[in-house]
Amino acid sequence: MRLATVAHATGTTAAVLLGDVWRALPAPDLSAFLSAGPSARAVDMAGEVLDGARPVQPLPAPGKVICCGLNYGDHIRETGRELPAHPTLFAKYADTLTGPDSDLVLPHGLQVDWEAELAVVVGAPLRNADRAEALRGIAGYTVANDISVRDWQYRTLQWFQGKAWDATTPLGPVVVTPDEIDPAAGVEVVCRVNGEEVQRDTTATLVFDSADLLAYISSFTVLRPGDIVLTGTPGGVGTAREPRRFLADGDVVETGIHGIGTLRNTVRFER
């Protein structure tokens, strides 16, 4: 099943794709729909047909956005680090997120890099969850790109200031439920810049998979429906290249995951 927040003639609404038709769900967006709880989500999903509906940022109001760094073996090696014993985590704010086709607007002169990622959407409250409970608590999966401002990220040992620039982390276009996709079995994560492939790997090579991450995170902070966990990026980022490579004004970043969809975002630098 494919869920989304869609824009249509009279505003936005949560929606489900049935065949090739978007139908309305009883909530203004997917964050509100998931937060309403399982009983509210068990309603008849054959709602109003939404002509001309277009997926936008699916989860506009997550309570938490938690990200894992250094989670693919090849990306860890390209940074010169050892495989971690525990996940390397950092947080974003909800207003860091933006839509699947939104421009990424940043000040001129920054070292801006790409990081294609699988994102996990929480569907049930999780606190001290074991792996099996965490797996049952997944509402679905979507595509993200943890666009990173490297010169700010590496000013200190803490990454936060390079990772949380407003409206720079595209998400979407849809959330695909676990009955249709199994990242543990391996789905391809691909990033292209101006049509050139710069990243490709499979989620089967994650050091900590989706259930591992949700269980670990829930041991110190509760996860609630609509929260988002980014699972890390494969090798091929610009800062690890020789010579280093960063995004330029007008560059088009495409981020795709087989079985979910593709983000297409243009970088715009303001002077």
C-alpha atoms as a PDB file:
ATOM      1  CA  MET A   1       0.000   0.000   0.000  1.00  0.00           C
ATOM      2  CA  ARG A   2       1.195   3.488  -0.889  1.00  0.00           C
ATOM      3  CA  LEU A   3       0.326   6.340   1.451  1.00  0.00           C
ATOM      4  CA  ALA A   4       1.045  10.034   0.974  1.00  0.00           C
ATOM      5  CA  THR A   5       0.128  13.591   1.729  1.00  0.00           C
ATOM      6  CA  VAL A   6      -1.184  14.983  -1.542  1.00  0.00           C
ATOM      7  CA  ALA A   7      -1.969  18.450  -2.811  1.00  0.00           C
ATOM      8  CA  HIS A   8      -5.203  18.758  -4.765  1.00  0.00           C
ATOM      9  CA  ALA A   9      -7.674  21.398  -5.887  1.00  0.00           C
ATOM     10  CA  THR A  10      -8.895  22.346  -2.402  1.00  0.00           C
ATOM     11  CA  GLY A  11      -5.770  21.854  -0.271  1.00  0.00           C
ATOM     12  CA  THR A  12      -3.885  18.857   1.094  1.00  0.00           C
ATOM     13  CA  THR A  13      -4.980  15.581   2.614  1.00  0.00           C
ATOM     14  CA  ALA A  14      -3.668  12.179   3.586  1.00  0.00           C
ATOM     15  CA  ALA A  15      -4.321   9.746   0.767  1.00  0.00           C
ATOM     16  CA  VAL A  16      -3.935   6.155  -0.338  1.00  0.00           C
ATOM     17  CA  LEU A  17      -3.133   5.057  -3.894  1.00  0.00           C
ATOM     18  CA  LEU A  18      -5.619   2.422  -5.075  1.00  0.00           C
ATOM     19  CA  GLY A  19      -4.708   1.277  -8.556  1.00  0.00           C
ATOM     20  CA  ASP A  20      -3.761   4.536 -10.242  1.00  0.00           C
ATOM     21  CA  VAL A  21      -6.236   6.665  -8.274  1.00  0.00           C
ATOM     22  CA  TRP A  22      -5.548   8.690  -5.137  1.00  0.00           C
ATOM     23  CA  ARG A  23      -8.328   8.470  -2.552  1.00  0.00           C
ATOM     24  CA  ALA A  24      -8.653  10.678   0.493  1.00  0.00           C
ATOM     25  CA  LEU A  25      -8.003   9.444   4.021  1.00  0.00           C
ATOM     26  CA  PRO A  26      -9.660  11.114   7.037  1.00  0.00           C
ATOM     27  CA  ALA A  27      -6.800  13.437   8.012  1.00  0.00           C
ATOM     28  CA  PRO A  28      -5.243  16.634   6.628  1.00  0.00           C
ATOM     29  CA  ASP A  29      -1.856  14.947   6.172  1.00  0.00           C
ATOM     30  CA  LEU A  30      -0.080  11.659   6.775  1.00  0.00           C
ATOM     31  CA  SER A  31       1.435  12.826  10.084  1.00  0.00           C
ATOM     32  CA  ALA A  32      -2.054  13.407  11.485  1.00  0.00           C
ATOM     33  CA  PHE A  33      -3.338  10.145  10.013  1.00  0.00           C
ATOM     34  CA  LEU A  34      -0.618   8.050  11.652  1.00  0.00           C
ATOM     35  CA  SER A  35      -0.821   9.941  14.949  1.00  0.00           C
ATOM     36  CA  ALA A  36      -4.541   9.151  15.224  1.00  0.00           C
ATOM     37  CA  GLY A  37      -3.680   5.541  16.105  1.00  0.00           C
ATOM     38  CA  PRO A  38      -4.442   2.089  14.684  1.00  0.00           C
ATOM     39  CA  SER A  39      -8.206   2.256  15.322  1.00  0.00           C
ATOM     40  CA  ALA A  40      -8.534   5.476  13.344  1.00  0.00           C
ATOM     41  CA  ARG A  41      -6.427   3.986  10.550  1.00  0.00           C
ATOM     42  CA  ALA A  42      -8.665   0.907  10.279  1.00  0.00           C
ATOM     43  CA  VAL A  43     -11.396   2.876   8.508  1.00  0.00           C
ATOM     44  CA  ASP A  44     -12.697   2.231   5.015  1.00  0.00           C
ATOM     45  CA  MET A  45      -9.933   3.516   2.762  1.00  0.00           C
ATOM     46  CA  ALA A  46     -12.162   3.962  -0.278  1.00  0.00           C
ATOM     47  CA  GLY A  47     -12.583   7.709   0.293  1.00  0.00           C
ATOM     48  CA  GLU A  48     -13.144  10.560  -2.137  1.00  0.00           C
ATOM     49  CA  VAL A  49     -11.293  10.345  -5.449  1.00  0.00           C
ATOM     50  CA  LEU A  50      -8.730  13.163  -5.652  1.00  0.00           C
ATOM     51  CA  ASP A  51      -8.398  14.296  -9.243  1.00  0.00           C
ATOM     52  CA  GLY A  52      -5.050  15.868 -10.081  1.00  0.00           C
ATOM     53  CA  ALA A  53      -3.532  14.896  -6.725  1.00  0.00           C
ATOM     54  CA  ARG A  54       0.228  15.371  -6.387  1.00  0.00           C
ATOM     55  CA  PRO A  55       2.363  13.919  -3.557  1.00  0.00           C
ATOM     56  CA  VAL A  56       4.068  16.551  -1.389  1.00  0.00           C
ATOM     57  CA  GLN A  57       6.206  16.218   1.748  1.00  0.00           C
ATOM     58  CA  PRO A  58       4.444  13.205   3.306  1.00  0.00           C
ATOM     59  CA  LEU A  59       5.136  13.813   7.018  1.00  0.00           C
ATOM     60  CA  PRO A  60       4.985  17.547   7.825  1.00  0.00           C
ATOM     61  CA  ALA A  61       4.771  17.163  11.613  1.00  0.00           C
ATOM     62  CA  PRO A  62       6.987  14.360  12.963  1.00  0.00           C
ATOM     63  CA  GLY A  63       7.664  14.551  16.675  1.00  0.00           C
ATOM     64  CA  LYS A  64      11.191  13.236  16.122  1.00  0.00           C
ATOM     65  CA  VAL A  65      13.526  12.937  13.141  1.00  0.00           C
ATOM     66  CA  ILE A  66      16.511  10.786  14.099  1.00  0.00           C
ATOM     67  CA  CYS A  67      19.318   9.924  11.704  1.00  0.00           C
ATOM     68  CA  CYS A  68      21.998   7.252  11.663  1.00  0.00           C
ATOM     69  CA  GLY A  69      25.411   8.008  10.223  1.00  0.00           C
ATOM     70  CA  LEU A  70      28.114   5.548   9.179  1.00  0.00           C
ATOM     71  CA  ASN A  71      25.773   2.622   8.560  1.00  0.00           C
ATOM     72  CA  TYR A  72      26.938   1.176   5.197  1.00  0.00           C
ATOM     73  CA  GLY A  73      30.239  -0.696   5.174  1.00  0.00           C
ATOM     74  CA  ASP A  74      31.618   1.046   2.077  1.00  0.00           C
ATOM     75  CA  HIS A  75      30.731   4.508   3.392  1.00  0.00           C
ATOM     76  CA  ILE A  76      32.411   3.699   6.712  1.00  0.00           C
ATOM     77  CA  ARG A  77      35.551   2.574   4.890  1.00  0.00           C
ATOM     78  CA  GLU A  78      35.670   5.703   2.708  1.00  0.00           C
ATOM     79  CA  THR A  79      35.686   7.830   5.871  1.00  0.00           C
ATOM     80  CA  GLY A  80      38.589   5.767   7.285  1.00  0.00           C
ATOM     81  CA  ARG A  81      36.650   4.489  10.297  1.00  0.00           C
ATOM     82  CA  GLU A  82      36.067   1.075  11.879  1.00  0.00           C
ATOM     83  CA  LEU A  83      32.689  -0.666  11.849  1.00  0.00           C
ATOM     84  CA  PRO A  84      30.749   0.747  14.811  1.00  0.00           C
ATOM     85  CA  ALA A  85      29.569  -1.279  17.786  1.00  0.00           C
ATOM     86  CA  HIS A  86      26.608   1.074  18.242  1.00  0.00           C
ATOM     87  CA  PRO A  87      24.690   3.347  15.868  1.00  0.00           C
ATOM     88  CA  THR A  88      26.022   6.874  15.360  1.00  0.00           C
ATOM     89  CA  LEU A  89      22.946   9.064  15.819  1.00  0.00           C
ATOM     90  CA  PHE A  90      22.021  12.699  15.367  1.00  0.00           C
ATOM     91  CA  ALA A  91      18.720  14.573  15.126  1.00  0.00           C
ATOM     92  CA  LYS A  92      16.990  16.955  12.756  1.00  0.00           C
ATOM     93  CA  TYR A  93      13.988  19.199  13.226  1.00  0.00           C
ATOM     94  CA  ALA A  94      10.726  18.843  11.300  1.00  0.00           C
ATOM     95  CA  ASP A  95      11.422  22.065   9.409  1.00  0.00           C
ATOM     96  CA  THR A  96      14.606  20.538   7.992  1.00  0.00           C
ATOM     97  CA  LEU A  97      12.358  18.378   5.795  1.00  0.00           C
ATOM     98  CA  THR A  98      11.072  19.403   2.380  1.00  0.00           C
ATOM     99  CA  GLY A  99       9.136  17.929  -0.514  1.00  0.00           C
ATOM    100  CA  PRO A 100      10.039  15.324  -3.129  1.00  0.00           C
ATOM    101  CA  ASP A 101      10.384  17.918  -5.899  1.00  0.00           C
ATOM    102  CA  SER A 102      11.211  21.061  -3.905  1.00  0.00           C
ATOM    103  CA  ASP A 103      14.183  23.285  -4.643  1.00  0.00           C
ATOM    104  CA  LEU A 104      16.963  23.152  -2.045  1.00  0.00           C
ATOM    105  CA  VAL A 105      17.748  26.809  -1.329  1.00  0.00           C
ATOM    106  CA  LEU A 106      20.989  27.619   0.505  1.00  0.00           C
ATOM    107  CA  PRO A 107      23.393  30.549   0.832  1.00  0.00           C
ATOM    108  CA  HIS A 108      26.054  30.818  -1.854  1.00  0.00           C
ATOM    109  CA  GLY A 109      29.511  29.432  -1.091  1.00  0.00           C
ATOM    110  CA  LEU A 110      28.665  26.421   1.091  1.00  0.00           C
ATOM    111  CA  GLN A 111      30.097  22.919   0.594  1.00  0.00           C
ATOM    112  CA  VAL A 112      26.840  21.052  -0.039  1.00  0.00           C
ATOM    113  CA  ASP A 113      26.870  17.257  -0.395  1.00  0.00           C
ATOM    114  CA  TRP A 114      24.409  14.475  -1.180  1.00  0.00           C
ATOM    115  CA  GLU A 115      23.449  11.482   0.999  1.00  0.00           C
ATOM    116  CA  ALA A 116      20.775   9.149  -0.404  1.00  0.00           C
ATOM    117  CA  GLU A 117      18.924   7.267   2.337  1.00  0.00           C
ATOM    118  CA  LEU A 118      16.100   4.907   3.189  1.00  0.00           C
ATOM    119  CA  ALA A 119      13.822   6.451   5.826  1.00  0.00           C
ATOM    120  CA  VAL A 120      11.700   4.412   8.243  1.00  0.00           C
ATOM    121  CA  VAL A 121       8.327   5.730   9.388  1.00  0.00           C
ATOM    122  CA  VAL A 122       7.156   4.699  12.855  1.00  0.00           C
ATOM    123  CA  GLY A 123       3.592   3.384  13.089  1.00  0.00           C
ATOM    124  CA  ALA A 124       3.174   2.441  16.771  1.00  0.00           C
ATOM    125  CA  PRO A 125       4.495   3.713  20.119  1.00  0.00           C
ATOM    126  CA  LEU A 126       7.855   2.077  20.871  1.00  0.00           C
ATOM    127  CA  ARG A 127       9.572   2.190  24.260  1.00  0.00           C
ATOM    128  CA  ASN A 128      12.292  -0.333  25.186  1.00  0.00           C
ATOM    129  CA  ALA A 129      11.220  -2.366  22.154  1.00  0.00           C
ATOM    130  CA  ASP A 130      12.942  -5.582  21.206  1.00  0.00           C
ATOM    131  CA  ARG A 131      13.696  -6.279  17.551  1.00  0.00           C
ATOM    132  CA  ALA A 132      10.420  -8.118  16.890  1.00  0.00           C
ATOM    133  CA  GLU A 133       8.330  -5.357  18.463  1.00  0.00           C
ATOM    134  CA  ALA A 134      10.250  -2.710  16.542  1.00  0.00           C
ATOM    135  CA  LEU A 135       9.642  -4.549  13.284  1.00  0.00           C
ATOM    136  CA  ARG A 136       5.896  -4.693  14.005  1.00  0.00           C
ATOM    137  CA  GLY A 137       5.958  -0.976  14.788  1.00  0.00           C
ATOM    138  CA  ILE A 138       7.073   0.115  11.317  1.00  0.00           C
ATOM    139  CA  ALA A 139       4.346   1.929   9.358  1.00  0.00           C
ATOM    140  CA  GLY A 140       6.382   2.001   6.177  1.00  0.00           C
ATOM    141  CA  TYR A 141       9.391   3.258   4.277  1.00  0.00           C
ATOM    142  CA  THR A 142      10.154   6.309   2.183  1.00  0.00           C
ATOM    143  CA  VAL A 143      13.060   8.014   0.392  1.00  0.00           C
ATOM    144  CA  ALA A 144      15.221  10.773   1.872  1.00  0.00           C
ATOM    145  CA  ASN A 145      18.390  12.659   1.053  1.00  0.00           C
ATOM    146  CA  ASP A 146      20.355  13.939   4.042  1.00  0.00           C
ATOM    147  CA  ILE A 147      21.759  16.925   2.160  1.00  0.00           C
ATOM    148  CA  SER A 148      24.761  17.998   4.257  1.00  0.00           C
ATOM    149  CA  VAL A 149      26.660  21.280   4.552  1.00  0.00           C
ATOM    150  CA  ARG A 150      30.135  19.815   5.040  1.00  0.00           C
ATOM    151  CA  ASP A 151      32.075  22.976   5.961  1.00  0.00           C
ATOM    152  CA  TRP A 152      29.620  23.538   8.812  1.00  0.00           C
ATOM    153  CA  GLN A 153      29.394  19.853   9.720  1.00  0.00           C
ATOM    154  CA  TYR A 154      33.137  19.605  10.310  1.00  0.00           C
ATOM    155  CA  ARG A 155      33.554  22.854  12.231  1.00  0.00           C
ATOM    156  CA  THR A 156      33.292  20.753  15.411  1.00  0.00           C
ATOM    157  CA  LEU A 157      33.055  17.089  16.350  1.00  0.00           C
ATOM    158  CA  GLN A 158      29.257  17.447  16.509  1.00  0.00           C
ATOM    159  CA  TRP A 159      27.552  17.104  13.105  1.00  0.00           C
ATOM    160  CA  PHE A 160      24.248  18.808  13.933  1.00  0.00           C
ATOM    161  CA  GLN A 161      25.028  22.240  12.496  1.00  0.00           C
ATOM    162  CA  GLY A 162      25.799  20.759   9.086  1.00  0.00           C
ATOM    163  CA  LYS A 163      22.715  18.559   9.004  1.00  0.00           C
ATOM    164  CA  ALA A 164      19.766  20.709  10.074  1.00  0.00           C
ATOM    165  CA  TRP A 165      19.549  23.580   7.583  1.00  0.00           C
ATOM    166  CA  ASP A 166      15.931  24.536   6.959  1.00  0.00           C
ATOM    167  CA  ALA A 167      14.101  22.794   4.094  1.00  0.00           C
ATOM    168  CA  THR A 168      17.133  20.861   2.834  1.00  0.00           C
ATOM    169  CA  THR A 169      16.194  17.220   3.509  1.00  0.00           C
ATOM    170  CA  PRO A 170      13.788  16.054   0.794  1.00  0.00           C
ATOM    171  CA  LEU A 171      11.404  13.248   1.741  1.00  0.00           C
ATOM    172  CA  GLY A 172       8.833  11.178  -0.153  1.00  0.00           C
ATOM    173  CA  PRO A 173       7.204  10.881  -2.528  1.00  0.00           C
ATOM    174  CA  VAL A 174       5.179   8.130  -0.823  1.00  0.00           C
ATOM    175  CA  VAL A 175       5.328   5.876   2.219  1.00  0.00           C
ATOM    176  CA  VAL A 176       5.219   2.198   1.229  1.00  0.00           C
ATOM    177  CA  THR A 177       3.925  -0.253   3.824  1.00  0.00           C
ATOM    178  CA  PRO A 178       6.051  -3.234   4.949  1.00  0.00           C
ATOM    179  CA  ASP A 179       3.828  -5.786   3.185  1.00  0.00           C
ATOM    180  CA  GLU A 180       5.173  -4.416  -0.118  1.00  0.00           C
ATOM    181  CA  ILE A 181       8.852  -3.850   0.634  1.00  0.00           C
ATOM    182  CA  ASP A 182      11.479  -5.606   2.776  1.00  0.00           C
ATOM    183  CA  PRO A 183      14.699  -3.599   3.166  1.00  0.00           C
ATOM    184  CA  ALA A 184      16.301  -6.440   5.132  1.00  0.00           C
ATOM    185  CA  ALA A 185      16.164  -8.530   1.963  1.00  0.00           C
ATOM    186  CA  GLY A 186      17.831  -5.678   0.075  1.00  0.00           C
ATOM    187  CA  VAL A 187      16.445  -2.766  -1.913  1.00  0.00           C
ATOM    188  CA  GLU A 188      18.669  -0.526  -4.026  1.00  0.00           C
ATOM    189  CA  VAL A 189      19.386   3.037  -2.940  1.00  0.00           C
ATOM    190  CA  VAL A 190      20.612   5.223  -5.822  1.00  0.00           C
ATOM    191  CA  CYS A 191      21.648   8.864  -6.107  1.00  0.00           C
ATOM    192  CA  ARG A 192      22.299  10.759  -9.346  1.00  0.00           C
ATOM    193  CA  VAL A 193      23.571  14.298  -9.843  1.00  0.00           C
ATOM    194  CA  ASN A 194      22.639  15.799 -13.223  1.00  0.00           C
ATOM    195  CA  GLY A 195      21.984  12.258 -14.443  1.00  0.00           C
ATOM    196  CA  GLU A 196      25.369  10.888 -13.317  1.00  0.00           C
ATOM    197  CA  GLU A 197      25.165   8.025 -10.830  1.00  0.00           C
ATOM    198  CA  VAL A 198      27.141   8.891  -7.704  1.00  0.00           C
ATOM    199  CA  GLN A 199      25.777   6.348  -5.204  1.00  0.00           C
ATOM    200  CA  ARG A 200      24.343   2.836  -5.442  1.00  0.00           C
ATOM    201  CA  ASP A 201      24.074   0.184  -2.760  1.00  0.00           C
ATOM    202  CA  THR A 202      21.563  -2.207  -1.271  1.00  0.00           C
ATOM    203  CA  THR A 203      19.995  -1.966   2.167  1.00  0.00           C
ATOM    204  CA  ALA A 204      20.986  -5.600   2.738  1.00  0.00           C
ATOM    205  CA  THR A 205      24.470  -4.282   3.588  1.00  0.00           C
ATOM    206  CA  LEU A 206      23.341  -1.951   6.401  1.00  0.00           C
ATOM    207  CA  VAL A 207      25.279  -2.513   9.628  1.00  0.00           C
ATOM    208  CA  PHE A 208      22.131  -1.719  11.655  1.00  0.00           C
ATOM    209  CA  ASP A 209      18.864  -2.356   9.823  1.00  0.00           C
ATOM    210  CA  SER A 210      15.527  -0.636  10.381  1.00  0.00           C
ATOM    211  CA  ALA A 211      14.366  -2.840  13.262  1.00  0.00           C
ATOM    212  CA  ASP A 212      17.789  -2.635  14.948  1.00  0.00           C
ATOM    213  CA  LEU A 213      17.694   1.156  14.822  1.00  0.00           C
ATOM    214  CA  LEU A 214      14.142   1.518  16.120  1.00  0.00           C
ATOM    215  CA  ALA A 215      14.810  -0.913  18.983  1.00  0.00           C
ATOM    216  CA  TYR A 216      18.054   0.838  19.932  1.00  0.00           C
ATOM    217  CA  ILE A 217      16.581   4.342  19.787  1.00  0.00           C
ATOM    218  CA  SER A 218      13.499   3.306  21.764  1.00  0.00           C
ATOM    219  CA  SER A 219      15.741   2.250  24.644  1.00  0.00           C
ATOM    220  CA  PHE A 220      16.476   5.910  25.463  1.00  0.00           C
ATOM    221  CA  THR A 221      13.607   7.894  23.891  1.00  0.00           C
ATOM    222  CA  VAL A 222      10.060   6.901  23.051  1.00  0.00           C
ATOM    223  CA  LEU A 223       9.162   6.709  19.359  1.00  0.00           C
ATOM    224  CA  ARG A 224       5.620   7.589  18.329  1.00  0.00           C
ATOM    225  CA  PRO A 225       3.559   7.158  15.166  1.00  0.00           C
ATOM    226  CA  GLY A 226       4.758   9.508  12.465  1.00  0.00           C
ATOM    227  CA  ASP A 227       8.323   9.768  13.761  1.00  0.00           C
ATOM    228  CA  ILE A 228      11.047   9.256  11.144  1.00  0.00           C
ATOM    229  CA  VAL A 229      14.394   7.455  11.295  1.00  0.00           C
ATOM    230  CA  LEU A 230      16.925   7.901   8.473  1.00  0.00           C
ATOM    231  CA  THR A 231      19.075   4.790   8.146  1.00  0.00           C
ATOM    232  CA  GLY A 232      22.336   6.194   6.718  1.00  0.00           C
ATOM    233  CA  THR A 233      23.906   6.658   3.304  1.00  0.00           C
ATOM    234  CA  PRO A 234      26.022   4.420   1.040  1.00  0.00           C
ATOM    235  CA  GLY A 235      29.500   5.247  -0.177  1.00  0.00           C
ATOM    236  CA  GLY A 236      30.039   7.767  -2.931  1.00  0.00           C
ATOM    237  CA  VAL A 237      29.484  11.056  -1.130  1.00  0.00           C
ATOM    238  CA  GLY A 238      31.213  14.091  -2.572  1.00  0.00           C
ATOM    239  CA  THR A 239      33.400  14.948   0.398  1.00  0.00           C
ATOM    240  CA  ALA A 240      35.133  11.530   0.245  1.00  0.00           C
ATOM    241  CA  ARG A 241      36.103  11.856  -3.432  1.00  0.00           C
ATOM    242  CA  GLU A 242      39.506  12.811  -4.826  1.00  0.00           C
ATOM    243  CA  PRO A 243      39.238  15.639  -5.566  1.00  0.00           C
ATOM    244  CA  ARG A 244      36.324  16.497  -3.323  1.00  0.00           C
ATOM    245  CA  ARG A 245      33.114  17.380  -5.127  1.00  0.00           C
ATOM    246  CA  PHE A 246      30.190  19.476  -3.957  1.00  0.00           C
ATOM    247  CA  LEU A 247      26.856  20.511  -5.415  1.00  0.00           C
ATOM    248  CA  ALA A 248      26.652  23.639  -7.565  1.00  0.00           C
ATOM    249  CA  ASP A 249      23.838  26.057  -8.263  1.00  0.00           C
ATOM    250  CA  GLY A 250      21.358  24.426 -10.635  1.00  0.00           C
ATOM    251  CA  ASP A 251      22.475  20.858  -9.983  1.00  0.00           C
ATOM    252  CA  VAL A 252      19.643  18.331 -10.011  1.00  0.00           C
ATOM    253  CA  VAL A 253      19.811  15.619  -7.335  1.00  0.00           C
ATOM    254  CA  GLU A 254      17.738  12.487  -7.950  1.00  0.00           C
ATOM    255  CA  THR A 255      17.346  10.021  -5.087  1.00  0.00           C
ATOM    256  CA  GLY A 256      15.639   6.726  -5.815  1.00  0.00           C
ATOM    257  CA  ILE A 257      14.749   3.531  -3.995  1.00  0.00           C
ATOM    258  CA  HIS A 258      13.340   0.636  -5.979  1.00  0.00           C
ATOM    259  CA  GLY A 259       9.788  -0.070  -4.889  1.00  0.00           C
ATOM    260  CA  ILE A 260       9.208   3.384  -3.394  1.00  0.00           C
ATOM    261  CA  GLY A 261       9.995   6.131  -5.874  1.00  0.00           C
ATOM    262  CA  THR A 262      12.309   9.003  -6.728  1.00  0.00           C
ATOM    263  CA  LEU A 263      12.985  12.471  -5.339  1.00  0.00           C
ATOM    264  CA  ARG A 264      14.061  15.154  -7.812  1.00  0.00           C
ATOM    265  CA  ASN A 265      15.434  18.312  -6.243  1.00  0.00           C
ATOM    266  CA  THR A 266      17.289  21.277  -7.736  1.00  0.00           C
ATOM    267  CA  VAL A 267      19.964  23.128  -5.754  1.00  0.00           C
ATOM    268  CA  ARG A 268      19.577  26.915  -5.688  1.00  0.00           C
ATOM    269  CA  PHE A 269      22.241  29.147  -4.153  1.00  0.00           C
ATOM    270  CA  GLU A 270      21.255  32.599  -2.961  1.00  0.00           C
ATOM    271  CA  ARG A 271      23.811  35.424  -3.002  1.00  0.00           C
END
